[in-house]
Each structure stands twice: as C-alpha cells, then as structure tokens.
Amino acid sequence: MYVLINSAHFFCSVKRVKRVERVPLDHAVNARKFEKIPANQFPVLDTPYDLNSITHFPNKIYGIKQSGSRDWTIQAKRNPSQQLGGNRITANDYRKLKKLYRCQ
C-alpha cells in the first residue's frame, strides 16, 4: 500500500518541514534519509502532521541494532512510546489524496 501511495506523489511524512515539531530524530542515523523537503515543494494540502500515516516511517526503521533489538530512530515528542507509521491509509491520507486529485 505504501508503494501505491508513494506513486501517487505522496512524500514520506518525516520529510515535512513541520516534522521537527512532532518527532525528534536520533542523530546517529543517516540524516539524508530524513532531509526535509521545502514547504513549497511538499503538498501537505492543509492537513495536520499524521503520526499514523501510511507514509510515516516506523520508530525503528533505520535504528542501529544493539543487544538483539533496534534502537529508535524517530519518536513522538508527546508520547515517546507511541508506535509511528501505519499499514493502513488514515483519514488524513484519504483527505490528502482527495485534495491532490480534486475528488469529491
């Protein structure tokens, strides 16, 4: 599903400029994978930052493996234990798709 959404010209959520307000990064990871895209090039379409979006990276996606499990890469500021990303399209994902393609 993520590939389908990505092919619909949706960027990964962690590349949004507003990411820094919602999710800090572990600076030990490859920062290039998290480079922000300028707001004028990223179609957010007046939707809020969605921690559960199908386009959001999970917490440990690029974490360094230590003692059997991966360390976190990104985490929610308000609730660091919250699982990020999803395997389903959220209401905000639908809203963005509808706005981007001018659907009713």
PDB file of N, CA and C in Angstrom:
ATOM      1  N   MET A   1       0.817  -1.185   0.000  1.00  0.00           N
ATOM      2  CA  MET A   1       0.000   0.000   0.000  1.00  0.00           C
ATOM      3  C   MET A   1       0.873   1.267   0.000  1.00  0.00           C
ATOM      4  N   TYR A   2       1.972   1.235   0.758  1.00  0.00           N
ATOM      5  CA  TYR A   2       2.864   2.402   0.810  1.00  0.00           C
ATOM      6  C   TYR A   2       3.381   2.750  -0.580  1.00  0.00           C
ATOM      7  N   VAL A   3       3.735   1.740  -1.368  1.00  0.00           N
ATOM      8  CA  VAL A   3       4.262   1.980  -2.714  1.00  0.00           C
ATOM      9  C   VAL A   3       3.203   2.643  -3.579  1.00  0.00           C
ATOM     10  N   LEU A   4       1.961   2.209  -3.445  1.00  0.00           N
ATOM     11  CA  LEU A   4       0.866   2.813  -4.191  1.00  0.00           C
ATOM     12  C   LEU A   4       0.705   4.284  -3.826  1.00  0.00           C
ATOM     13  N   ILE A   5       0.696   4.579  -2.535  1.00  0.00           N
ATOM     14  CA  ILE A   5       0.565   5.963  -2.077  1.00  0.00           C
ATOM     15  C   ILE A   5       1.763   6.793  -2.537  1.00  0.00           C
ATOM     16  N   ASN A   6       2.940   6.231  -2.451  1.00  0.00           N
ATOM     17  CA  ASN A   6       4.137   6.937  -2.887  1.00  0.00           C
ATOM     18  C   ASN A   6       4.071   7.236  -4.383  1.00  0.00           C
ATOM     19  N   SER A   7       3.560   6.318  -5.158  1.00  0.00           N
ATOM     20  CA  SER A   7       3.455   6.547  -6.601  1.00  0.00           C
ATOM     21  C   SER A   7       2.405   7.597  -6.928  1.00  0.00           C
ATOM     22  N   ALA A   8       1.522   7.896  -5.969  1.00  0.00           N
ATOM     23  CA  ALA A   8       0.519   8.948  -6.146  1.00  0.00           C
ATOM     24  C   ALA A   8       1.099  10.314  -5.782  1.00  0.00           C
ATOM     25  N   HIS A   9       2.415  10.394  -5.690  1.00  0.00           N
ATOM     26  CA  HIS A   9       3.148  11.636  -5.425  1.00  0.00           C
ATOM     27  C   HIS A   9       3.026  12.115  -3.984  1.00  0.00           C
ATOM     28  N   PHE A  10       2.950  11.166  -3.068  1.00  0.00           N
ATOM     29  CA  PHE A  10       2.987  11.494  -1.650  1.00  0.00           C
ATOM     30  C   PHE A  10       4.396  11.253  -1.162  1.00  0.00           C
ATOM     31  N   PHE A  11       4.975  12.241  -0.510  1.00  0.00           N
ATOM     32  CA  PHE A  11       6.292  12.077   0.070  1.00  0.00           C
ATOM     33  C   PHE A  11       6.159  11.444   1.451  1.00  0.00           C
ATOM     34  N   CYS A  12       7.233  10.898   1.924  1.00  0.00           N
ATOM     35  CA  CYS A  12       7.253  10.337   3.268  1.00  0.00           C
ATOM     36  C   CYS A  12       7.013  11.468   4.274  1.00  0.00           C
ATOM     37  N   SER A  13       6.150  11.234   5.232  1.00  0.00           N
ATOM     38  CA  SER A  13       5.759  12.271   6.199  1.00  0.00           C
ATOM     39  C   SER A  13       6.930  12.876   6.956  1.00  0.00           C
ATOM     40  N   VAL A  14       7.952  12.098   7.241  1.00  0.00           N
ATOM     41  CA  VAL A  14       9.061  12.632   8.031  1.00  0.00           C
ATOM     42  C   VAL A  14       9.885  13.646   7.264  1.00  0.00           C
ATOM     43  N   LYS A  15       9.587  13.847   5.997  1.00  0.00           N
ATOM     44  CA  LYS A  15      10.292  14.857   5.208  1.00  0.00           C
ATOM     45  C   LYS A  15       9.595  16.213   5.257  1.00  0.00           C
ATOM     46  N   ARG A  16       8.436  16.279   5.932  1.00  0.00           N
ATOM     47  CA  ARG A  16       7.730  17.551   6.079  1.00  0.00           C
ATOM     48  C   ARG A  16       8.527  18.495   6.965  1.00  0.00           C
ATOM     49  N   VAL A  17       8.454  19.759   6.678  1.00  0.00           N
ATOM     50  CA  VAL A  17       9.140  20.777   7.472  1.00  0.00           C
ATOM     51  C   VAL A  17       8.654  20.746   8.920  1.00  0.00           C
ATOM     52  N   LYS A  18       7.380  20.508   9.143  1.00  0.00           N
ATOM     53  CA  LYS A  18       6.818  20.509  10.499  1.00  0.00           C
ATOM     54  C   LYS A  18       7.206  19.279  11.310  1.00  0.00           C
ATOM     55  N   ARG A  19       7.946  18.362  10.727  1.00  0.00           N
ATOM     56  CA  ARG A  19       8.351  17.165  11.452  1.00  0.00           C
ATOM     57  C   ARG A  19       9.049  17.496  12.755  1.00  0.00           C
ATOM     58  N   VAL A  20       9.908  18.502  12.754  1.00  0.00           N
ATOM     59  CA  VAL A  20      10.693  18.825  13.942  1.00  0.00           C
ATOM     60  C   VAL A  20       9.817  19.184  15.137  1.00  0.00           C
ATOM     61  N   GLU A  21       8.584  19.640  14.880  1.00  0.00           N
ATOM     62  CA  GLU A  21       7.662  19.961  15.968  1.00  0.00           C
ATOM     63  C   GLU A  21       7.048  18.713  16.573  1.00  0.00           C
ATOM     64  N   ARG A  22       7.045  17.606  15.838  1.00  0.00           N
ATOM     65  CA  ARG A  22       6.324  16.411  16.262  1.00  0.00           C
ATOM     66  C   ARG A  22       7.208  15.214  16.615  1.00  0.00           C
ATOM     67  N   VAL A  23       8.307  15.029  15.872  1.00  0.00           N
ATOM     68  CA  VAL A  23       9.139  13.840  16.098  1.00  0.00           C
ATOM     69  C   VAL A  23      10.621  14.186  16.043  1.00  0.00           C
ATOM     70  N   PRO A  24      11.354  13.978  17.135  1.00  0.00           N
ATOM     71  CA  PRO A  24      12.808  14.180  17.100  1.00  0.00           C
ATOM     72  C   PRO A  24      13.482  12.972  16.448  1.00  0.00           C
ATOM     73  N   LEU A  25      14.676  13.186  15.956  1.00  0.00           N
ATOM     74  CA  LEU A  25      15.456  12.114  15.334  1.00  0.00           C
ATOM     75  C   LEU A  25      16.623  11.746  16.221  1.00  0.00           C
ATOM     76  N   ASP A  26      17.017  10.490  16.158  1.00  0.00           N
ATOM     77  CA  ASP A  26      18.259  10.046  16.778  1.00  0.00           C
ATOM     78  C   ASP A  26      19.349  10.432  15.785  1.00  0.00           C
ATOM     79  N   HIS A  27      20.236  11.314  16.157  1.00  0.00           N
ATOM     80  CA  HIS A  27      21.224  11.839  15.220  1.00  0.00           C
ATOM     81  C   HIS A  27      22.296  10.841  14.816  1.00  0.00           C
ATOM     82  N   ALA A  28      22.248   9.624  15.351  1.00  0.00           N
ATOM     83  CA  ALA A  28      23.207   8.596  14.960  1.00  0.00           C
ATOM     84  C   ALA A  28      22.831   7.969  13.617  1.00  0.00           C
ATOM     85  N   VAL A  29      21.608   8.196  13.168  1.00  0.00           N
ATOM     86  CA  VAL A  29      21.155   7.575  11.921  1.00  0.00           C
ATOM     87  C   VAL A  29      21.575   8.410  10.725  1.00  0.00           C
ATOM     88  N   ASN A  30      21.425   7.838   9.563  1.00  0.00           N
ATOM     89  CA  ASN A  30      21.742   8.523   8.318  1.00  0.00           C
ATOM     90  C   ASN A  30      20.743   9.652   8.095  1.00  0.00           C
ATOM     91  N   ALA A  31      21.157  10.860   8.347  1.00  0.00           N
ATOM     92  CA  ALA A  31      20.269  12.025   8.280  1.00  0.00           C
ATOM     93  C   ALA A  31      19.741  12.289   6.870  1.00  0.00           C
ATOM     94  N   ARG A  32      20.436  11.829   5.837  1.00  0.00           N
ATOM     95  CA  ARG A  32      19.962  12.069   4.466  1.00  0.00           C
ATOM     96  C   ARG A  32      18.586  11.454   4.229  1.00  0.00           C
ATOM     97  N   LYS A  33      18.312  10.357   4.883  1.00  0.00           N
ATOM     98  CA  LYS A  33      17.015   9.705   4.698  1.00  0.00           C
ATOM     99  C   LYS A  33      15.884  10.541   5.292  1.00  0.00           C
ATOM    100  N   PHE A  34      16.233  11.530   6.094  1.00  0.00           N
ATOM    101  CA  PHE A  34      15.243  12.351   6.771  1.00  0.00           C
ATOM    102  C   PHE A  34      15.333  13.821   6.371  1.00  0.00           C
ATOM    103  N   GLU A  35      16.028  14.121   5.278  1.00  0.00           N
ATOM    104  CA  GLU A  35      16.130  15.513   4.845  1.00  0.00           C
ATOM    105  C   GLU A  35      14.745  16.065   4.572  1.00  0.00           C
ATOM    106  N   LYS A  36      14.507  17.270   5.071  1.00  0.00           N
ATOM    107  CA  LYS A  36      13.204  17.890   4.881  1.00  0.00           C
ATOM    108  C   LYS A  36      13.093  18.464   3.473  1.00  0.00           C
ATOM    109  N   ILE A  37      11.900  18.385   2.944  1.00  0.00           N
ATOM    110  CA  ILE A  37      11.596  18.961   1.641  1.00  0.00           C
ATOM    111  C   ILE A  37      10.971  20.324   1.910  1.00  0.00           C
ATOM    112  N   PRO A  38      11.406  21.378   1.208  1.00  0.00           N
ATOM    113  CA  PRO A  38      10.844  22.711   1.443  1.00  0.00           C
ATOM    114  C   PRO A  38       9.316  22.705   1.328  1.00  0.00           C
ATOM    115  N   ALA A  39       8.672  23.494   2.165  1.00  0.00           N
ATOM    116  CA  ALA A  39       7.208  23.535   2.221  1.00  0.00           C
ATOM    117  C   ALA A  39       6.578  23.824   0.863  1.00  0.00           C
ATOM    118  N   ASN A  40       7.223  24.645   0.049  1.00  0.00           N
ATOM    119  CA  ASN A  40       6.635  24.976  -1.255  1.00  0.00           C
ATOM    120  C   ASN A  40       6.739  23.824  -2.258  1.00  0.00           C
ATOM    121  N   GLN A  41       7.469  22.760  -1.916  1.00  0.00           N
ATOM    122  CA  GLN A  41       7.592  21.597  -2.794  1.00  0.00           C
ATOM    123  C   GLN A  41       6.900  20.359  -2.227  1.00  0.00           C
ATOM    124  N   PHE A  42       6.359  20.484  -1.032  1.00  0.00           N
ATOM    125  CA  PHE A  42       5.737  19.342  -0.355  1.00  0.00           C
ATOM    126  C   PHE A  42       4.246  19.602  -0.228  1.00  0.00           C
ATOM    127  N   PRO A  43       3.417  18.870  -0.953  1.00  0.00           N
ATOM    128  CA  PRO A  43       1.970  19.135  -0.918  1.00  0.00           C
ATOM    129  C   PRO A  43       1.291  18.604   0.339  1.00  0.00           C
ATOM    130  N   VAL A  44       1.265  19.407   1.409  1.00  0.00           N
ATOM    131  CA  VAL A  44       0.613  18.968   2.647  1.00  0.00           C
ATOM    132  C   VAL A  44      -0.890  19.171   2.584  1.00  0.00           C
ATOM    133  N   LEU A  45      -1.330  20.050   1.692  1.00  0.00           N
ATOM    134  CA  LEU A  45      -2.748  20.241   1.406  1.00  0.00           C
ATOM    135  C   LEU A  45      -3.573  20.554   2.649  1.00  0.00           C
ATOM    136  N   ASP A  46      -3.038  21.398   3.496  1.00  0.00           N
ATOM    137  CA  ASP A  46      -3.735  21.841   4.713  1.00  0.00           C
ATOM    138  C   ASP A  46      -4.183  20.684   5.599  1.00  0.00           C
ATOM    139  N   THR A  47      -3.367  19.670   5.702  1.00  0.00           N
ATOM    140  CA  THR A  47      -3.682  18.546   6.587  1.00  0.00           C
ATOM    141  C   THR A  47      -2.674  18.530   7.725  1.00  0.00           C
ATOM    142  N   PRO A  48      -3.091  18.079   8.900  1.00  0.00           N
ATOM    143  CA  PRO A  48      -2.172  18.044  10.032  1.00  0.00           C
ATOM    144  C   PRO A  48      -1.113  16.965   9.867  1.00  0.00           C
ATOM    145  N   TYR A  49      -0.036  17.106  10.612  1.00  0.00           N
ATOM    146  CA  TYR A  49       1.010  16.084  10.621  1.00  0.00           C
ATOM    147  C   TYR A  49       0.400  14.813  11.202  1.00  0.00           C
ATOM    148  N   ASP A  50       0.519  13.711  10.496  1.00  0.00           N
ATOM    149  CA  ASP A  50      -0.148  12.464  10.865  1.00  0.00           C
ATOM    150  C   ASP A  50       0.885  11.413  11.262  1.00  0.00           C
ATOM    151  N   LEU A  51       0.996  11.166  12.555  1.00  0.00           N
ATOM    152  CA  LEU A  51       1.969  10.191  13.059  1.00  0.00           C
ATOM    153  C   LEU A  51       1.635   8.763  12.635  1.00  0.00           C
ATOM    154  N   ASN A  52       0.383   8.519  12.261  1.00  0.00           N
ATOM    155  CA  ASN A  52      -0.046   7.174  11.881  1.00  0.00           C
ATOM    156  C   ASN A  52      -0.186   6.987  10.380  1.00  0.00           C
ATOM    157  N   SER A  53       0.186   7.998   9.611  1.00  0.00           N
ATOM    158  CA  SER A  53       0.061   7.927   8.163  1.00  0.00           C
ATOM    159  C   SER A  53       0.810   6.721   7.597  1.00  0.00           C
ATOM    160  N   ILE A  54       0.275   6.195   6.526  1.00  0.00           N
ATOM    161  CA  ILE A  54       0.953   5.089   5.854  1.00  0.00           C
ATOM    162  C   ILE A  54       2.292   5.553   5.281  1.00  0.00           C
ATOM    163  N   THR A  55       2.442   6.862   5.117  1.00  0.00           N
ATOM    164  CA  THR A  55       3.694   7.396   4.586  1.00  0.00           C
ATOM    165  C   THR A  55       4.697   7.767   5.673  1.00  0.00           C
ATOM    166  N   HIS A  56       4.368   7.493   6.913  1.00  0.00           N
ATOM    167  CA  HIS A  56       5.280   7.834   8.014  1.00  0.00           C
ATOM    168  C   HIS A  56       6.190   6.661   8.322  1.00  0.00           C
ATOM    169  N   PHE A  57       7.482   6.932   8.525  1.00  0.00           N
ATOM    170  CA  PHE A  57       8.410   5.869   8.909  1.00  0.00           C
ATOM    171  C   PHE A  57       8.078   5.334  10.301  1.00  0.00           C
ATOM    172  N   PRO A  58       8.259   4.031  10.520  1.00  0.00           N
ATOM    173  CA  PRO A  58       8.121   3.479  11.865  1.00  0.00           C
ATOM    174  C   PRO A  58       9.263   3.948  12.766  1.00  0.00           C
ATOM    175  N   ASN A  59       9.096   3.784  14.060  1.00  0.00           N
ATOM    176  CA  ASN A  59      10.061   4.261  15.058  1.00  0.00           C
ATOM    177  C   ASN A  59      11.485   3.752  14.842  1.00  0.00           C
ATOM    178  N   LYS A  60      11.624   2.511  14.469  1.00  0.00           N
ATOM    179  CA  LYS A  60      12.952   1.894  14.438  1.00  0.00           C
ATOM    180  C   LYS A  60      13.444   1.561  13.034  1.00  0.00           C
ATOM    181  N   ILE A  61      12.938   2.246  12.026  1.00  0.00           N
ATOM    182  CA  ILE A  61      13.230   1.874  10.645  1.00  0.00           C
ATOM    183  C   ILE A  61      14.727   1.843  10.317  1.00  0.00           C
ATOM    184  N   TYR A  62      15.485   2.798  10.780  1.00  0.00           N
ATOM    185  CA  TYR A  62      16.921   2.814  10.495  1.00  0.00           C
ATOM    186  C   TYR A  62      17.752   2.705  11.768  1.00  0.00           C
ATOM    187  N   GLY A  63      17.145   2.235  12.836  1.00  0.00           N
ATOM    188  CA  GLY A  63      17.843   2.124  14.115  1.00  0.00           C
ATOM    189  C   GLY A  63      19.013   1.156  14.058  1.00  0.00           C
ATOM    190  N   ILE A  64      20.001   1.428  14.858  1.00  0.00           N
ATOM    191  CA  ILE A  64      21.189   0.575  14.939  1.00  0.00           C
ATOM    192  C   ILE A  64      20.865  -0.583  15.874  1.00  0.00           C
ATOM    193  N   LYS A  65      21.144  -1.797  15.396  1.00  0.00           N
ATOM    194  CA  LYS A  65      20.818  -2.979  16.182  1.00  0.00           C
ATOM    195  C   LYS A  65      21.822  -3.157  17.314  1.00  0.00           C
ATOM    196  N   GLN A  66      21.307  -3.205  18.528  1.00  0.00           N
ATOM    197  CA  GLN A  66      22.140  -3.416  19.709  1.00  0.00           C
ATOM    198  C   GLN A  66      21.432  -4.386  20.635  1.00  0.00           C
ATOM    199  N   SER A  67      22.151  -5.304  21.145  1.00  0.00           N
ATOM    200  CA  SER A  67      21.645  -6.327  22.078  1.00  0.00           C
ATOM    201  C   SER A  67      20.304  -6.932  21.649  1.00  0.00           C
ATOM    202  N   GLY A  68      20.236  -7.360  20.402  1.00  0.00           N
ATOM    203  CA  GLY A  68      19.083  -8.104  19.923  1.00  0.00           C
ATOM    204  C   GLY A  68      17.928  -7.297  19.365  1.00  0.00           C
ATOM    205  N   SER A  69      17.843  -6.007  19.656  1.00  0.00           N
ATOM    206  CA  SER A  69      16.750  -5.209  19.099  1.00  0.00           C
ATOM    207  C   SER A  69      17.300  -3.883  18.569  1.00  0.00           C
ATOM    208  N   ARG A  70      16.510  -3.262  17.747  1.00  0.00           N
ATOM    209  CA  ARG A  70      16.928  -1.983  17.165  1.00  0.00           C
ATOM    210  C   ARG A  70      16.600  -0.832  18.103  1.00  0.00           C
ATOM    211  N   ASP A  71      17.501   0.151  18.139  1.00  0.00           N
ATOM    212  CA  ASP A  71      17.222   1.390  18.863  1.00  0.00           C
ATOM    213  C   ASP A  71      16.255   2.227  18.023  1.00  0.00           C
ATOM    214  N   TRP A  72      15.561   3.145  18.674  1.00  0.00           N
ATOM    215  CA  TRP A  72      14.645   4.009  17.939  1.00  0.00           C
ATOM    216  C   TRP A  72      15.403   4.959  17.021  1.00  0.00           C
ATOM    217  N   THR A  73      14.755   5.342  15.957  1.00  0.00           N
ATOM    218  CA  THR A  73      15.277   6.323  15.018  1.00  0.00           C
ATOM    219  C   THR A  73      14.511   7.625  15.185  1.00  0.00           C
ATOM    220  N   ILE A  74      13.197   7.508  15.245  1.00  0.00           N
ATOM    221  CA  ILE A  74      12.319   8.658  15.444  1.00  0.00           C
ATOM    222  C   ILE A  74      11.285   8.276  16.496  1.00  0.00           C
ATOM    223  N   GLN A  75      10.784   9.267  17.206  1.00  0.00           N
ATOM    224  CA  GLN A  75       9.747   9.006  18.195  1.00  0.00           C
ATOM    225  C   GLN A  75       8.886  10.244  18.371  1.00  0.00           C
ATOM    226  N   ALA A  76       7.669  10.032  18.807  1.00  0.00           N
ATOM    227  CA  ALA A  76       6.750  11.145  19.037  1.00  0.00           C
ATOM    228  C   ALA A  76       7.216  11.945  20.248  1.00  0.00           C
ATOM    229  N   LYS A  77       7.165  13.268  20.154  1.00  0.00           N
ATOM    230  CA  LYS A  77       7.579  14.113  21.281  1.00  0.00           C
ATOM    231  C   LYS A  77       6.633  13.977  22.465  1.00  0.00           C
ATOM    232  N   ARG A  78       5.338  13.951  22.197  1.00  0.00           N
ATOM    233  CA  ARG A  78       4.360  13.898  23.288  1.00  0.00           C
ATOM    234  C   ARG A  78       4.311  12.540  23.971  1.00  0.00           C
ATOM    235  N   ASN A  79       4.529  11.475  23.219  1.00  0.00           N
ATOM    236  CA  ASN A  79       4.460  10.127  23.773  1.00  0.00           C
ATOM    237  C   ASN A  79       5.543   9.277  23.096  1.00  0.00           C
ATOM    238  N   PRO A  80       6.760   9.277  23.635  1.00  0.00           N
ATOM    239  CA  PRO A  80       7.877   8.566  23.006  1.00  0.00           C
ATOM    240  C   PRO A  80       7.639   7.081  22.764  1.00  0.00           C
ATOM    241  N   SER A  81       6.724   6.463  23.484  1.00  0.00           N
ATOM    242  CA  SER A  81       6.474   5.034  23.277  1.00  0.00           C
ATOM    243  C   SER A  81       5.422   4.764  22.197  1.00  0.00           C
ATOM    244  N   GLN A  82       4.815   5.816  21.649  1.00  0.00           N
ATOM    245  CA  GLN A  82       3.801   5.647  20.607  1.00  0.00           C
ATOM    246  C   GLN A  82       4.426   5.045  19.355  1.00  0.00           C
ATOM    247  N   GLN A  83       3.758   4.061  18.787  1.00  0.00           N
ATOM    248  CA  GLN A  83       4.202   3.467  17.532  1.00  0.00           C
ATOM    249  C   GLN A  83       3.872   4.421  16.387  1.00  0.00           C
ATOM    250  N   LEU A  84       4.831   4.675  15.525  1.00  0.00           N
ATOM    251  CA  LEU A  84       4.641   5.591  14.405  1.00  0.00           C
ATOM    252  C   LEU A  84       4.440   4.814  13.116  1.00  0.00           C
ATOM    253  N   GLY A  85       3.828   5.484  12.151  1.00  0.00           N
ATOM    254  CA  GLY A  85       3.596   4.848  10.861  1.00  0.00           C
ATOM    255  C   GLY A  85       2.437   3.881  10.955  1.00  0.00           C
ATOM    256  N   GLY A  86       1.995   3.446   9.832  1.00  0.00           N
ATOM    257  CA  GLY A  86       0.872   2.518   9.839  1.00  0.00           C
ATOM    258  C   GLY A  86       0.904   1.628   8.618  1.00  0.00           C
ATOM    259  N   ASN A  87       0.064   0.634   8.642  1.00  0.00           N
ATOM    260  CA  ASN A  87      -0.030  -0.247   7.490  1.00  0.00           C
ATOM    261  C   ASN A  87      -1.377  -0.081   6.797  1.00  0.00           C
ATOM    262  N   ARG A  88      -2.101   0.983   7.190  1.00  0.00           N
ATOM    263  CA  ARG A  88      -3.375   1.317   6.566  1.00  0.00           C
ATOM    264  C   ARG A  88      -3.422   2.803   6.262  1.00  0.00           C
ATOM    265  N   ILE A  89      -4.224   3.153   5.293  1.00  0.00           N
ATOM    266  CA  ILE A  89      -4.412   4.555   4.948  1.00  0.00           C
ATOM    267  C   ILE A  89      -5.272   5.201   6.030  1.00  0.00           C
ATOM    268  N   THR A  90      -4.821   6.348   6.545  1.00  0.00           N
ATOM    269  CA  THR A  90      -5.581   7.047   7.580  1.00  0.00           C
ATOM    270  C   THR A  90      -6.565   8.030   6.937  1.00  0.00           C
ATOM    271  N   ALA A  91      -7.429   8.600   7.765  1.00  0.00           N
ATOM    272  CA  ALA A  91      -8.381   9.601   7.279  1.00  0.00           C
ATOM    273  C   ALA A  91      -7.638  10.783   6.658  1.00  0.00           C
ATOM    274  N   ASN A  92      -6.499  11.176   7.257  1.00  0.00           N
ATOM    275  CA  ASN A  92      -5.715  12.281   6.684  1.00  0.00           C
ATOM    276  C   ASN A  92      -5.092  11.893   5.345  1.00  0.00           C
ATOM    277  N   ASP A  93      -4.670  10.637   5.204  1.00  0.00           N
ATOM    278  CA  ASP A  93      -4.141  10.180   3.914  1.00  0.00           C
ATOM    279  C   ASP A  93      -5.226  10.303   2.836  1.00  0.00           C
ATOM    280  N   TYR A  94      -6.445   9.859   3.164  1.00  0.00           N
ATOM    281  CA  TYR A  94      -7.563   9.975   2.218  1.00  0.00           C
ATOM    282  C   TYR A  94      -7.831  11.432   1.873  1.00  0.00           C
ATOM    283  N   ARG A  95      -7.823  12.285   2.914  1.00  0.00           N
ATOM    284  CA  ARG A  95      -8.074  13.708   2.701  1.00  0.00           C
ATOM    285  C   ARG A  95      -7.045  14.303   1.736  1.00  0.00           C
ATOM    286  N   LYS A  96      -5.770  13.940   1.935  1.00  0.00           N
ATOM    287  CA  LYS A  96      -4.713  14.451   1.047  1.00  0.00           C
ATOM    288  C   LYS A  96      -4.906  13.951  -0.377  1.00  0.00           C
ATOM    289  N   LEU A  97      -5.227  12.670  -0.532  1.00  0.00           N
ATOM    290  CA  LEU A  97      -5.461  12.118  -1.872  1.00  0.00           C
ATOM    291  C   LEU A  97      -6.608  12.840  -2.568  1.00  0.00           C
ATOM    292  N   LYS A  98      -7.701  13.047  -1.842  1.00  0.00           N
ATOM    293  CA  LYS A  98      -8.861  13.717  -2.427  1.00  0.00           C
ATOM    294  C   LYS A  98      -8.522  15.148  -2.850  1.00  0.00           C
ATOM    295  N   LYS A  99      -7.786  15.854  -2.008  1.00  0.00           N
ATOM    296  CA  LYS A  99      -7.411  17.234  -2.333  1.00  0.00           C
ATOM    297  C   LYS A  99      -6.424  17.268  -3.495  1.00  0.00           C
ATOM    298  N   LEU A 100      -5.443  16.386  -3.473  1.00  0.00           N
ATOM    299  CA  LEU A 100      -4.424  16.381  -4.522  1.00  0.00           C
ATOM    300  C   LEU A 100      -5.030  16.096  -5.885  1.00  0.00           C
ATOM    301  N   TYR A 101      -5.992  15.183  -5.950  1.00  0.00           N
ATOM    302  CA  TYR A 101      -6.585  14.794  -7.218  1.00  0.00           C
ATOM    303  C   TYR A 101      -7.976  15.380  -7.439  1.00  0.00           C
ATOM    304  N   ARG A 102      -8.345  16.335  -6.572  1.00  0.00           N
ATOM    305  CA  ARG A 102      -9.613  17.077  -6.677  1.00  0.00           C
ATOM    306  C   ARG A 102     -10.821  16.144  -6.791  1.00  0.00           C
ATOM    307  N   CYS A 103     -10.898  15.199  -5.891  1.00  0.00           N
ATOM    308  CA  CYS A 103     -12.009  14.250  -5.839  1.00  0.00           C
ATOM    309  C   CYS A 103     -13.055  14.747  -4.848  1.00  0.00           C
ATOM    310  N   GLN A 104     -14.266  14.316  -5.008  1.00  0.00           N
ATOM    311  CA  GLN A 104     -15.360  14.672  -4.082  1.00  0.00           C
ATOM    312  C   GLN A 104     -15.468  13.650  -2.991  1.00  0.00           C
TER     313      GLN A 104
END
